Amino acid sequence: MNIGGLDRRVTIQRQDHAVNGYGERVKTWVDYATVWANIERKPAATERISGEQVVSFNTVIFIIRNASNVQAVSSSHRIQYDNNTYEILGVHEIGRADRFRIITQRLDS
């Protein structure tokens, strides 16, 4: 593995809950791990119909090294990179589990 290709700093976040001023539970996101990653962008975005609107989805793949703090990463997490948020669609081991391929789609804010 060429670790020189892992040249982007990304933050993996996990979902948490907090209580607002009215005593209601609200969903929040907290940092889970900050790691180095390689980014593979798909050449084209896809369009889907969602709620009677055509929505564009941009698939981005992050490659990260395996470490004890990222072994539990799943589709319940998300990635923050370059002021964008990416929903995790799937996590796949590469080779002998020395790296993970995280398939995401960018969420529009």
PDB file of N, CA and C in Angstrom:
ATOM      1  N   MET A   1       0.847  -1.175   0.000  1.00  0.00           N
ATOM      2  CA  MET A   1       0.000   0.000   0.000  1.00  0.00           C
ATOM      3  C   MET A   1       0.889   1.232   0.000  1.00  0.00           C
ATOM      4  N   ASN A   2       0.603   2.165  -0.875  1.00  0.00           N
ATOM      5  CA  ASN A   2       1.330   3.421  -0.942  1.00  0.00           C
ATOM      6  C   ASN A   2       0.626   4.430  -0.037  1.00  0.00           C
ATOM      7  N   ILE A   3       1.175   4.622   1.180  1.00  0.00           N
ATOM      8  CA  ILE A   3       0.511   5.531   2.112  1.00  0.00           C
ATOM      9  C   ILE A   3       0.685   6.986   1.710  1.00  0.00           C
ATOM     10  N   GLY A   4       1.573   7.263   0.746  1.00  0.00           N
ATOM     11  CA  GLY A   4       1.720   8.626   0.258  1.00  0.00           C
ATOM     12  C   GLY A   4       0.469   9.118  -0.442  1.00  0.00           C
ATOM     13  N   GLY A   5      -0.380   8.202  -0.906  1.00  0.00           N
ATOM     14  CA  GLY A   5      -1.636   8.578  -1.548  1.00  0.00           C
ATOM     15  C   GLY A   5      -2.701   9.023  -0.554  1.00  0.00           C
ATOM     16  N   LEU A   6      -2.481   8.724   0.718  1.00  0.00           N
ATOM     17  CA  LEU A   6      -3.440   9.134   1.753  1.00  0.00           C
ATOM     18  C   LEU A   6      -3.097  10.565   2.161  1.00  0.00           C
ATOM     19  N   ASP A   7      -3.535  11.514   1.339  1.00  0.00           N
ATOM     20  CA  ASP A   7      -3.100  12.901   1.513  1.00  0.00           C
ATOM     21  C   ASP A   7      -4.225  13.874   1.837  1.00  0.00           C
ATOM     22  N   ARG A   8      -5.385  13.371   2.195  1.00  0.00           N
ATOM     23  CA  ARG A   8      -6.514  14.229   2.554  1.00  0.00           C
ATOM     24  C   ARG A   8      -6.922  13.926   3.999  1.00  0.00           C
ATOM     25  N   ARG A   9      -7.151  14.956   4.780  1.00  0.00           N
ATOM     26  CA  ARG A   9      -7.562  14.788   6.171  1.00  0.00           C
ATOM     27  C   ARG A   9      -9.086  14.836   6.231  1.00  0.00           C
ATOM     28  N   VAL A  10      -9.711  13.757   6.696  1.00  0.00           N
ATOM     29  CA  VAL A  10     -11.167  13.681   6.785  1.00  0.00           C
ATOM     30  C   VAL A  10     -11.572  13.369   8.226  1.00  0.00           C
ATOM     31  N   THR A  11     -12.773  13.782   8.568  1.00  0.00           N
ATOM     32  CA  THR A  11     -13.304  13.516   9.899  1.00  0.00           C
ATOM     33  C   THR A  11     -14.523  12.623   9.776  1.00  0.00           C
ATOM     34  N   ILE A  12     -14.486  11.508  10.481  1.00  0.00           N
ATOM     35  CA  ILE A  12     -15.623  10.596  10.537  1.00  0.00           C
ATOM     36  C   ILE A  12     -16.436  10.989  11.766  1.00  0.00           C
ATOM     37  N   GLN A  13     -17.741  11.126  11.583  1.00  0.00           N
ATOM     38  CA  GLN A  13     -18.613  11.529  12.680  1.00  0.00           C
ATOM     39  C   GLN A  13     -19.635  10.445  12.962  1.00  0.00           C
ATOM     40  N   ARG A  14     -20.052  10.389  14.229  1.00  0.00           N
ATOM     41  CA  ARG A  14     -21.108   9.451  14.620  1.00  0.00           C
ATOM     42  C   ARG A  14     -22.296  10.246  15.144  1.00  0.00           C
ATOM     43  N   GLN A  15     -23.454   9.633  15.038  1.00  0.00           N
ATOM     44  CA  GLN A  15     -24.673  10.291  15.486  1.00  0.00           C
ATOM     45  C   GLN A  15     -24.785  10.192  17.004  1.00  0.00           C
ATOM     46  N   ASP A  16     -25.257  11.262  17.620  1.00  0.00           N
ATOM     47  CA  ASP A  16     -25.469  11.293  19.059  1.00  0.00           C
ATOM     48  C   ASP A  16     -26.761  12.064  19.308  1.00  0.00           C
ATOM     49  N   HIS A  17     -27.185  12.111  20.531  1.00  0.00           N
ATOM     50  CA  HIS A  17     -28.394  12.851  20.879  1.00  0.00           C
ATOM     51  C   HIS A  17     -28.084  13.814  22.011  1.00  0.00           C
ATOM     52  N   ALA A  18     -28.716  14.948  21.969  1.00  0.00           N
ATOM     53  CA  ALA A  18     -28.592  15.948  23.020  1.00  0.00           C
ATOM     54  C   ALA A  18     -30.009  16.407  23.379  1.00  0.00           C
ATOM     55  N   VAL A  19     -30.092  17.145  24.453  1.00  0.00           N
ATOM     56  CA  VAL A  19     -31.379  17.662  24.893  1.00  0.00           C
ATOM     57  C   VAL A  19     -31.381  19.169  24.658  1.00  0.00           C
ATOM     58  N   ASN A  20     -32.412  19.662  23.971  1.00  0.00           N
ATOM     59  CA  ASN A  20     -32.497  21.103  23.707  1.00  0.00           C
ATOM     60  C   ASN A  20     -33.130  21.829  24.894  1.00  0.00           C
ATOM     61  N   GLY A  21     -33.344  23.119  24.770  1.00  0.00           N
ATOM     62  CA  GLY A  21     -33.897  23.939  25.839  1.00  0.00           C
ATOM     63  C   GLY A  21     -35.311  23.567  26.263  1.00  0.00           C
ATOM     64  N   TYR A  22     -36.017  22.807  25.425  1.00  0.00           N
ATOM     65  CA  TYR A  22     -37.377  22.383  25.742  1.00  0.00           C
ATOM     66  C   TYR A  22     -37.425  20.967  26.313  1.00  0.00           C
ATOM     67  N   GLY A  23     -36.266  20.363  26.507  1.00  0.00           N
ATOM     68  CA  GLY A  23     -36.208  18.998  27.038  1.00  0.00           C
ATOM     69  C   GLY A  23     -36.401  17.923  25.992  1.00  0.00           C
ATOM     70  N   GLU A  24     -36.398  18.297  24.717  1.00  0.00           N
ATOM     71  CA  GLU A  24     -36.577  17.335  23.632  1.00  0.00           C
ATOM     72  C   GLU A  24     -35.220  16.772  23.216  1.00  0.00           C
ATOM     73  N   ARG A  25     -35.213  15.515  22.831  1.00  0.00           N
ATOM     74  CA  ARG A  25     -33.985  14.910  22.300  1.00  0.00           C
ATOM     75  C   ARG A  25     -33.826  15.322  20.847  1.00  0.00           C
ATOM     76  N   VAL A  26     -32.655  15.815  20.498  1.00  0.00           N
ATOM     77  CA  VAL A  26     -32.374  16.208  19.119  1.00  0.00           C
ATOM     78  C   VAL A  26     -31.121  15.478  18.647  1.00  0.00           C
ATOM     79  N   LYS A  27     -31.100  15.186  17.350  1.00  0.00           N
ATOM     80  CA  LYS A  27     -29.959  14.483  16.767  1.00  0.00           C
ATOM     81  C   LYS A  27     -28.804  15.461  16.570  1.00  0.00           C
ATOM     82  N   THR A  28     -27.613  15.044  16.975  1.00  0.00           N
ATOM     83  CA  THR A  28     -26.403  15.826  16.760  1.00  0.00           C
ATOM     84  C   THR A  28     -25.333  14.893  16.207  1.00  0.00           C
ATOM     85  N   TRP A  29     -24.264  15.468  15.705  1.00  0.00           N
ATOM     86  CA  TRP A  29     -23.145  14.691  15.190  1.00  0.00           C
ATOM     87  C   TRP A  29     -21.896  15.085  15.956  1.00  0.00           C
ATOM     88  N   VAL A  30     -21.127  14.082  16.393  1.00  0.00           N
ATOM     89  CA  VAL A  30     -19.886  14.328  17.117  1.00  0.00           C
ATOM     90  C   VAL A  30     -18.741  13.647  16.372  1.00  0.00           C
ATOM     91  N   ASP A  31     -17.550  14.221  16.485  1.00  0.00           N
ATOM     92  CA  ASP A  31     -16.387  13.649  15.820  1.00  0.00           C
ATOM     93  C   ASP A  31     -16.043  12.298  16.428  1.00  0.00           C
ATOM     94  N   TYR A  32     -15.829  11.321  15.564  1.00  0.00           N
ATOM     95  CA  TYR A  32     -15.501   9.953  15.972  1.00  0.00           C
ATOM     96  C   TYR A  32     -14.017   9.670  15.750  1.00  0.00           C
ATOM     97  N   ALA A  33     -13.504  10.056  14.578  1.00  0.00           N
ATOM     98  CA  ALA A  33     -12.085   9.858  14.267  1.00  0.00           C
ATOM     99  C   ALA A  33     -11.688  10.807  13.143  1.00  0.00           C
ATOM    100  N   THR A  34     -10.458  11.299  13.198  1.00  0.00           N
ATOM    101  CA  THR A  34      -9.895  12.097  12.116  1.00  0.00           C
ATOM    102  C   THR A  34      -8.740  11.296  11.534  1.00  0.00           C
ATOM    103  N   VAL A  35      -8.815  11.011  10.227  1.00  0.00           N
ATOM    104  CA  VAL A  35      -7.855  10.105   9.592  1.00  0.00           C
ATOM    105  C   VAL A  35      -7.393  10.667   8.248  1.00  0.00           C
ATOM    106  N   TRP A  36      -6.310  10.106   7.751  1.00  0.00           N
ATOM    107  CA  TRP A  36      -5.825  10.427   6.408  1.00  0.00           C
ATOM    108  C   TRP A  36      -6.526   9.521   5.413  1.00  0.00           C
ATOM    109  N   ALA A  37      -6.863  10.068   4.252  1.00  0.00           N
ATOM    110  CA  ALA A  37      -7.616   9.302   3.253  1.00  0.00           C
ATOM    111  C   ALA A  37      -7.162   9.649   1.846  1.00  0.00           C
ATOM    112  N   ASN A  38      -7.445   8.739   0.935  1.00  0.00           N
ATOM    113  CA  ASN A  38      -7.308   8.954  -0.501  1.00  0.00           C
ATOM    114  C   ASN A  38      -8.733   9.089  -1.032  1.00  0.00           C
ATOM    115  N   ILE A  39      -8.940   9.972  -1.973  1.00  0.00           N
ATOM    116  CA  ILE A  39     -10.283  10.209  -2.490  1.00  0.00           C
ATOM    117  C   ILE A  39     -10.356   9.809  -3.952  1.00  0.00           C
ATOM    118  N   GLU A  40     -11.380   9.014  -4.288  1.00  0.00           N
ATOM    119  CA  GLU A  40     -11.665   8.636  -5.671  1.00  0.00           C
ATOM    120  C   GLU A  40     -13.029   9.216  -6.014  1.00  0.00           C
ATOM    121  N   ARG A  41     -13.036  10.165  -6.906  1.00  0.00           N
ATOM    122  CA  ARG A  41     -14.313  10.767  -7.325  1.00  0.00           C
ATOM    123  C   ARG A  41     -14.817  10.053  -8.577  1.00  0.00           C
ATOM    124  N   LYS A  42     -16.083   9.754  -8.587  1.00  0.00           N
ATOM    125  CA  LYS A  42     -16.684   9.176  -9.780  1.00  0.00           C
ATOM    126  C   LYS A  42     -16.792  10.268 -10.834  1.00  0.00           C
ATOM    127  N   PRO A  43     -16.591   9.929 -12.102  1.00  0.00           N
ATOM    128  CA  PRO A  43     -16.579  10.962 -13.135  1.00  0.00           C
ATOM    129  C   PRO A  43     -17.903  11.656 -13.375  1.00  0.00           C
ATOM    130  N   ALA A  44     -19.014  11.064 -12.982  1.00  0.00           N
ATOM    131  CA  ALA A  44     -20.305  11.692 -13.256  1.00  0.00           C
ATOM    132  C   ALA A  44     -21.228  11.522 -12.063  1.00  0.00           C
ATOM    133  N   ALA A  45     -22.088  12.474 -11.910  1.00  0.00           N
ATOM    134  CA  ALA A  45     -23.110  12.389 -10.879  1.00  0.00           C
ATOM    135  C   ALA A  45     -24.333  11.714 -11.481  1.00  0.00           C
ATOM    136  N   THR A  46     -25.183  11.186 -10.616  1.00  0.00           N
ATOM    137  CA  THR A  46     -26.417  10.565 -11.082  1.00  0.00           C
ATOM    138  C   THR A  46     -27.589  11.391 -10.588  1.00  0.00           C
ATOM    139  N   GLU A  47     -28.708  11.221 -11.248  1.00  0.00           N
ATOM    140  CA  GLU A  47     -29.919  11.926 -10.845  1.00  0.00           C
ATOM    141  C   GLU A  47     -30.981  10.918 -10.478  1.00  0.00           C
ATOM    142  N   ARG A  48     -31.722  11.236  -9.436  1.00  0.00           N
ATOM    143  CA  ARG A  48     -32.839  10.400  -9.000  1.00  0.00           C
ATOM    144  C   ARG A  48     -34.013  11.307  -8.674  1.00  0.00           C
ATOM    145  N   ILE A  49     -35.186  10.712  -8.654  1.00  0.00           N
ATOM    146  CA  ILE A  49     -36.366  11.474  -8.263  1.00  0.00           C
ATOM    147  C   ILE A  49     -36.621  11.209  -6.788  1.00  0.00           C
ATOM    148  N   SER A  50     -36.699  12.284  -6.026  1.00  0.00           N
ATOM    149  CA  SER A  50     -36.927  12.186  -4.588  1.00  0.00           C
ATOM    150  C   SER A  50     -37.970  13.236  -4.210  1.00  0.00           C
ATOM    151  N   GLY A  51     -39.114  12.792  -3.743  1.00  0.00           N
ATOM    152  CA  GLY A  51     -40.168  13.724  -3.352  1.00  0.00           C
ATOM    153  C   GLY A  51     -40.604  14.625  -4.482  1.00  0.00           C
ATOM    154  N   GLU A  52     -40.773  14.065  -5.668  1.00  0.00           N
ATOM    155  CA  GLU A  52     -41.203  14.772  -6.870  1.00  0.00           C
ATOM    156  C   GLU A  52     -40.203  15.816  -7.347  1.00  0.00           C
ATOM    157  N   GLN A  53     -38.932  15.678  -6.925  1.00  0.00           N
ATOM    158  CA  GLN A  53     -37.867  16.550  -7.397  1.00  0.00           C
ATOM    159  C   GLN A  53     -36.752  15.692  -7.974  1.00  0.00           C
ATOM    160  N   VAL A  54     -36.090  16.215  -8.976  1.00  0.00           N
ATOM    161  CA  VAL A  54     -34.910  15.542  -9.501  1.00  0.00           C
ATOM    162  C   VAL A  54     -33.730  16.014  -8.669  1.00  0.00           C
ATOM    163  N   VAL A  55     -33.037  15.055  -8.043  1.00  0.00           N
ATOM    164  CA  VAL A  55     -31.939  15.366  -7.141  1.00  0.00           C
ATOM    165  C   VAL A  55     -30.664  14.740  -7.699  1.00  0.00           C
ATOM    166  N   SER A  56     -29.572  15.494  -7.672  1.00  0.00           N
ATOM    167  CA  SER A  56     -28.293  15.011  -8.165  1.00  0.00           C
ATOM    168  C   SER A  56     -27.487  14.404  -7.015  1.00  0.00           C
ATOM    169  N   PHE A  57     -26.888  13.230  -7.248  1.00  0.00           N
ATOM    170  CA  PHE A  57     -26.061  12.567  -6.256  1.00  0.00           C
ATOM    171  C   PHE A  57     -24.653  12.426  -6.804  1.00  0.00           C
ATOM    172  N   ASN A  58     -23.673  12.813  -6.015  1.00  0.00           N
ATOM    173  CA  ASN A  58     -22.272  12.734  -6.398  1.00  0.00           C
ATOM    174  C   ASN A  58     -21.605  11.675  -5.534  1.00  0.00           C
ATOM    175  N   THR A  59     -21.191  10.564  -6.133  1.00  0.00           N
ATOM    176  CA  THR A  59     -20.569   9.475  -5.391  1.00  0.00           C
ATOM    177  C   THR A  59     -19.082   9.749  -5.228  1.00  0.00           C
ATOM    178  N   VAL A  60     -18.599   9.610  -3.991  1.00  0.00           N
ATOM    179  CA  VAL A  60     -17.188   9.798  -3.671  1.00  0.00           C
ATOM    180  C   VAL A  60     -16.742   8.603  -2.839  1.00  0.00           C
ATOM    181  N   ILE A  61     -15.566   8.060  -3.165  1.00  0.00           N
ATOM    182  CA  ILE A  61     -15.021   6.923  -2.431  1.00  0.00           C
ATOM    183  C   ILE A  61     -13.797   7.377  -1.660  1.00  0.00           C
ATOM    184  N   PHE A  62     -13.792   7.094  -0.359  1.00  0.00           N
ATOM    185  CA  PHE A  62     -12.661   7.402   0.510  1.00  0.00           C
ATOM    186  C   PHE A  62     -11.949   6.091   0.846  1.00  0.00           C
ATOM    187  N   ILE A  63     -10.625   6.073   0.697  1.00  0.00           N
ATOM    188  CA  ILE A  63      -9.810   4.925   1.088  1.00  0.00           C
ATOM    189  C   ILE A  63      -9.045   5.332   2.344  1.00  0.00           C
ATOM    190  N   ILE A  64      -9.202   4.549   3.429  1.00  0.00           N
ATOM    191  CA  ILE A  64      -8.485   4.841   4.668  1.00  0.00           C
ATOM    192  C   ILE A  64      -7.765   3.590   5.152  1.00  0.00           C
ATOM    193  N   ARG A  65      -6.755   3.787   5.996  1.00  0.00           N
ATOM    194  CA  ARG A  65      -6.050   2.652   6.582  1.00  0.00           C
ATOM    195  C   ARG A  65      -6.859   2.092   7.742  1.00  0.00           C
ATOM    196  N   ASN A  66      -6.709   0.803   7.962  1.00  0.00           N
ATOM    197  CA  ASN A  66      -7.366   0.148   9.077  1.00  0.00           C
ATOM    198  C   ASN A  66      -6.653   0.526  10.370  1.00  0.00           C
ATOM    199  N   ALA A  67      -7.399   0.861  11.372  1.00  0.00           N
ATOM    200  CA  ALA A  67      -6.880   1.147  12.709  1.00  0.00           C
ATOM    201  C   ALA A  67      -7.981   0.823  13.709  1.00  0.00           C
ATOM    202  N   SER A  68      -7.619   0.674  14.949  1.00  0.00           N
ATOM    203  CA  SER A  68      -8.609   0.285  15.957  1.00  0.00           C
ATOM    204  C   SER A  68      -9.730   1.306  16.094  1.00  0.00           C
ATOM    205  N   ASN A  69      -9.460   2.582  15.815  1.00  0.00           N
ATOM    206  CA  ASN A  69     -10.499   3.603  15.977  1.00  0.00           C
ATOM    207  C   ASN A  69     -11.452   3.706  14.786  1.00  0.00           C
ATOM    208  N   VAL A  70     -11.209   2.968  13.706  1.00  0.00           N
ATOM    209  CA  VAL A  70     -12.110   3.046  12.548  1.00  0.00           C
ATOM    210  C   VAL A  70     -12.736   1.700  12.180  1.00  0.00           C
ATOM    211  N   GLN A  71     -12.484   0.669  12.942  1.00  0.00           N
ATOM    212  CA  GLN A  71     -13.018  -0.649  12.604  1.00  0.00           C
ATOM    213  C   GLN A  71     -14.536  -0.729  12.722  1.00  0.00           C
ATOM    214  N   ALA A  72     -15.141   0.139  13.509  1.00  0.00           N
ATOM    215  CA  ALA A  72     -16.594   0.101  13.689  1.00  0.00           C
ATOM    216  C   ALA A  72     -17.330   1.062  12.769  1.00  0.00           C
ATOM    217  N   VAL A  73     -16.641   1.678  11.804  1.00  0.00           N
ATOM    218  CA  VAL A  73     -17.298   2.616  10.901  1.00  0.00           C
ATOM    219  C   VAL A  73     -18.323   1.869  10.058  1.00  0.00           C
ATOM    220  N   SER A  74     -19.518   2.449   9.965  1.00  0.00           N
ATOM    221  CA  SER A  74     -20.605   1.824   9.217  1.00  0.00           C
ATOM    222  C   SER A  74     -21.460   2.911   8.571  1.00  0.00           C
ATOM    223  N   SER A  75     -22.567   2.493   7.997  1.00  0.00           N
ATOM    224  CA  SER A  75     -23.448   3.456   7.335  1.00  0.00           C
ATOM    225  C   SER A  75     -24.178   4.365   8.326  1.00  0.00           C
ATOM    226  N   SER A  76     -24.034   4.117   9.613  1.00  0.00           N
ATOM    227  CA  SER A  76     -24.625   5.020  10.604  1.00  0.00           C
ATOM    228  C   SER A  76     -23.727   6.229  10.871  1.00  0.00           C
ATOM    229  N   HIS A  77     -22.517   6.222  10.304  1.00  0.00           N
ATOM    230  CA  HIS A  77     -21.588   7.341  10.442  1.00  0.00           C
ATOM    231  C   HIS A  77     -21.677   8.235   9.203  1.00  0.00           C
ATOM    232  N   ARG A  78     -20.942   9.343   9.226  1.00  0.00           N
ATOM    233  CA  ARG A  78     -20.825  10.202   8.055  1.00  0.00           C
ATOM    234  C   ARG A  78     -19.420  10.784   8.031  1.00  0.00           C
ATOM    235  N   ILE A  79     -19.055  11.394   6.900  1.00  0.00           N
ATOM    236  CA  ILE A  79     -17.717  11.959   6.731  1.00  0.00           C
ATOM    237  C   ILE A  79     -17.826  13.443   6.442  1.00  0.00           C
ATOM    238  N   GLN A  80     -16.975  14.213   7.076  1.00  0.00           N
ATOM    239  CA  GLN A  80     -16.832  15.642   6.809  1.00  0.00           C
ATOM    240  C   GLN A  80     -15.492  15.840   6.107  1.00  0.00           C
ATOM    241  N   TYR A  81     -15.531  16.500   4.950  1.00  0.00           N
ATOM    242  CA  TYR A  81     -14.306  16.801   4.228  1.00  0.00           C
ATOM    243  C   TYR A  81     -14.509  18.058   3.384  1.00  0.00           C
ATOM    244  N   ASP A  82     -13.594  18.977   3.484  1.00  0.00           N
ATOM    245  CA  ASP A  82     -13.580  20.181   2.649  1.00  0.00           C
ATOM    246  C   ASP A  82     -14.920  20.926   2.696  1.00  0.00           C
ATOM    247  N   ASN A  83     -15.444  21.119   3.894  1.00  0.00           N
ATOM    248  CA  ASN A  83     -16.712  21.820   4.123  1.00  0.00           C
ATOM    249  C   ASN A  83     -17.919  21.135   3.490  1.00  0.00           C
ATOM    250  N   ASN A  84     -17.809  19.852   3.213  1.00  0.00           N
ATOM    251  CA  ASN A  84     -18.925  19.074   2.684  1.00  0.00           C
ATOM    252  C   ASN A  84     -19.194  17.890   3.600  1.00  0.00           C
ATOM    253  N   THR A  85     -20.434  17.420   3.577  1.00  0.00           N
ATOM    254  CA  THR A  85     -20.840  16.262   4.367  1.00  0.00           C
ATOM    255  C   THR A  85     -21.171  15.118   3.416  1.00  0.00           C
ATOM    256  N   TYR A  86     -20.673  13.922   3.749  1.00  0.00           N
ATOM    257  CA  TYR A  86     -20.863  12.747   2.909  1.00  0.00           C
ATOM    258  C   TYR A  86     -21.549  11.643   3.713  1.00  0.00           C
ATOM    259  N   GLU A  87     -22.671  11.149   3.196  1.00  0.00           N
ATOM    260  CA  GLU A  87     -23.394  10.041   3.811  1.00  0.00           C
ATOM    261  C   GLU A  87     -22.702   8.738   3.408  1.00  0.00           C
ATOM    262  N   ILE A  88     -22.417   7.872   4.366  1.00  0.00           N
ATOM    263  CA  ILE A  88     -21.761   6.598   4.071  1.00  0.00           C
ATOM    264  C   ILE A  88     -22.800   5.595   3.597  1.00  0.00           C
ATOM    265  N   LEU A  89     -22.560   5.047   2.403  1.00  0.00           N
ATOM    266  CA  LEU A  89     -23.468   4.051   1.828  1.00  0.00           C
ATOM    267  C   LEU A  89     -22.987   2.633   2.110  1.00  0.00           C
ATOM    268  N   GLY A  90     -21.667   2.454   2.199  1.00  0.00           N
ATOM    269  CA  GLY A  90     -21.116   1.130   2.454  1.00  0.00           C
ATOM    270  C   GLY A  90     -19.643   1.198   2.783  1.00  0.00           C
ATOM    271  N   VAL A  91     -19.165   0.171   3.497  1.00  0.00           N
ATOM    272  CA  VAL A  91     -17.756   0.065   3.878  1.00  0.00           C
ATOM    273  C   VAL A  91     -17.279  -1.317   3.464  1.00  0.00           C
ATOM    274  N   HIS A  92     -16.163  -1.372   2.716  1.00  0.00           N
ATOM    275  CA  HIS A  92     -15.623  -2.639   2.228  1.00  0.00           C
ATOM    276  C   HIS A  92     -14.158  -2.759   2.613  1.00  0.00           C
ATOM    277  N   GLU A  93     -13.756  -3.953   3.033  1.00  0.00           N
ATOM    278  CA  GLU A  93     -12.351  -4.203   3.319  1.00  0.00           C
ATOM    279  C   GLU A  93     -11.593  -4.364   2.010  1.00  0.00           C
ATOM    280  N   ILE A  94     -10.346  -3.911   2.000  1.00  0.00           N
ATOM    281  CA  ILE A  94      -9.478  -4.072   0.842  1.00  0.00           C
ATOM    282  C   ILE A  94      -8.336  -4.993   1.247  1.00  0.00           C
ATOM    283  N   GLY A  95      -8.046  -5.953   0.385  1.00  0.00           N
ATOM    284  CA  GLY A  95      -6.933  -6.870   0.653  1.00  0.00           C
ATOM    285  C   GLY A  95      -7.145  -7.663   1.924  1.00  0.00           C
ATOM    286  N   ARG A  96      -6.122  -7.691   2.754  1.00  0.00           N
ATOM    287  CA  ARG A  96      -6.207  -8.418   4.024  1.00  0.00           C
ATOM    288  C   ARG A  96      -6.646  -7.492   5.158  1.00  0.00           C
ATOM    289  N   ALA A  97      -7.631  -6.691   4.864  1.00  0.00           N
ATOM    290  CA  ALA A  97      -8.233  -5.759   5.826  1.00  0.00           C
ATOM    291  C   ALA A  97      -7.235  -4.724   6.325  1.00  0.00           C
ATOM    292  N   ASP A  98      -6.262  -4.371   5.477  1.00  0.00           N
ATOM    293  CA  ASP A  98      -5.336  -3.311   5.892  1.00  0.00           C
ATOM    294  C   ASP A  98      -5.867  -1.933   5.526  1.00  0.00           C
ATOM    295  N   ARG A  99      -6.890  -1.888   4.656  1.00  0.00           N
ATOM    296  CA  ARG A  99      -7.525  -0.627   4.270  1.00  0.00           C
ATOM    297  C   ARG A  99      -9.027  -0.836   4.151  1.00  0.00           C
ATOM    298  N   PHE A 100      -9.743   0.272   4.191  1.00  0.00           N
ATOM    299  CA  PHE A 100     -11.192   0.247   3.983  1.00  0.00           C
ATOM    300  C   PHE A 100     -11.550   1.172   2.834  1.00  0.00           C
ATOM    301  N   ARG A 101     -12.482   0.739   1.992  1.00  0.00           N
ATOM    302  CA  ARG A 101     -13.064   1.579   0.943  1.00  0.00           C
ATOM    303  C   ARG A 101     -14.436   2.004   1.459  1.00  0.00           C
ATOM    304  N   ILE A 102     -14.610   3.307   1.627  1.00  0.00           N
ATOM    305  CA  ILE A 102     -15.878   3.843   2.146  1.00  0.00           C
ATOM    306  C   ILE A 102     -16.585   4.551   0.999  1.00  0.00           C
ATOM    307  N   ILE A 103     -17.720   4.002   0.601  1.00  0.00           N
ATOM    308  CA  ILE A 103     -18.493   4.557  -0.508  1.00  0.00           C
ATOM    309  C   ILE A 103     -19.508   5.538   0.069  1.00  0.00           C
ATOM    310  N   THR A 104     -19.490   6.767  -0.468  1.00  0.00           N
ATOM    311  CA  THR A 104     -20.345   7.815   0.086  1.00  0.00           C
ATOM    312  C   THR A 104     -21.069   8.570  -1.026  1.00  0.00           C
ATOM    313  N   GLN A 105     -22.016   9.374  -0.614  1.00  0.00           N
ATOM    314  CA  GLN A 105     -22.621  10.340  -1.514  1.00  0.00           C
ATOM    315  C   GLN A 105     -22.670  11.665  -0.777  1.00  0.00           C
ATOM    316  N   ARG A 106     -22.379  12.729  -1.494  1.00  0.00           N
ATOM    317  CA  ARG A 106     -22.361  14.059  -0.882  1.00  0.00           C
ATOM    318  C   ARG A 106     -23.783  14.528  -0.600  1.00  0.00           C
ATOM    319  N   LEU A 107     -23.973  15.049   0.597  1.00  0.00           N
ATOM    320  CA  LEU A 107     -25.270  15.600   0.982  1.00  0.00           C
ATOM    321  C   LEU A 107     -25.265  17.093   0.689  1.00  0.00           C
ATOM    322  N   ASP A 108     -26.313  17.571   0.054  1.00  0.00           N
ATOM    323  CA  ASP A 108     -26.430  19.002  -0.189  1.00  0.00           C
ATOM    324  C   ASP A 108     -26.948  19.670   1.072  1.00  0.00           C
ATOM    325  N   SER A 109     -26.290  20.764   1.444  1.00  0.00           N
ATOM    326  CA  SER A 109     -26.682  21.461   2.671  1.00  0.00           C
ATOM    327  C   SER A 109     -27.822  22.413   2.424  1.00  0.00           C
TER     328      SER A 109
END
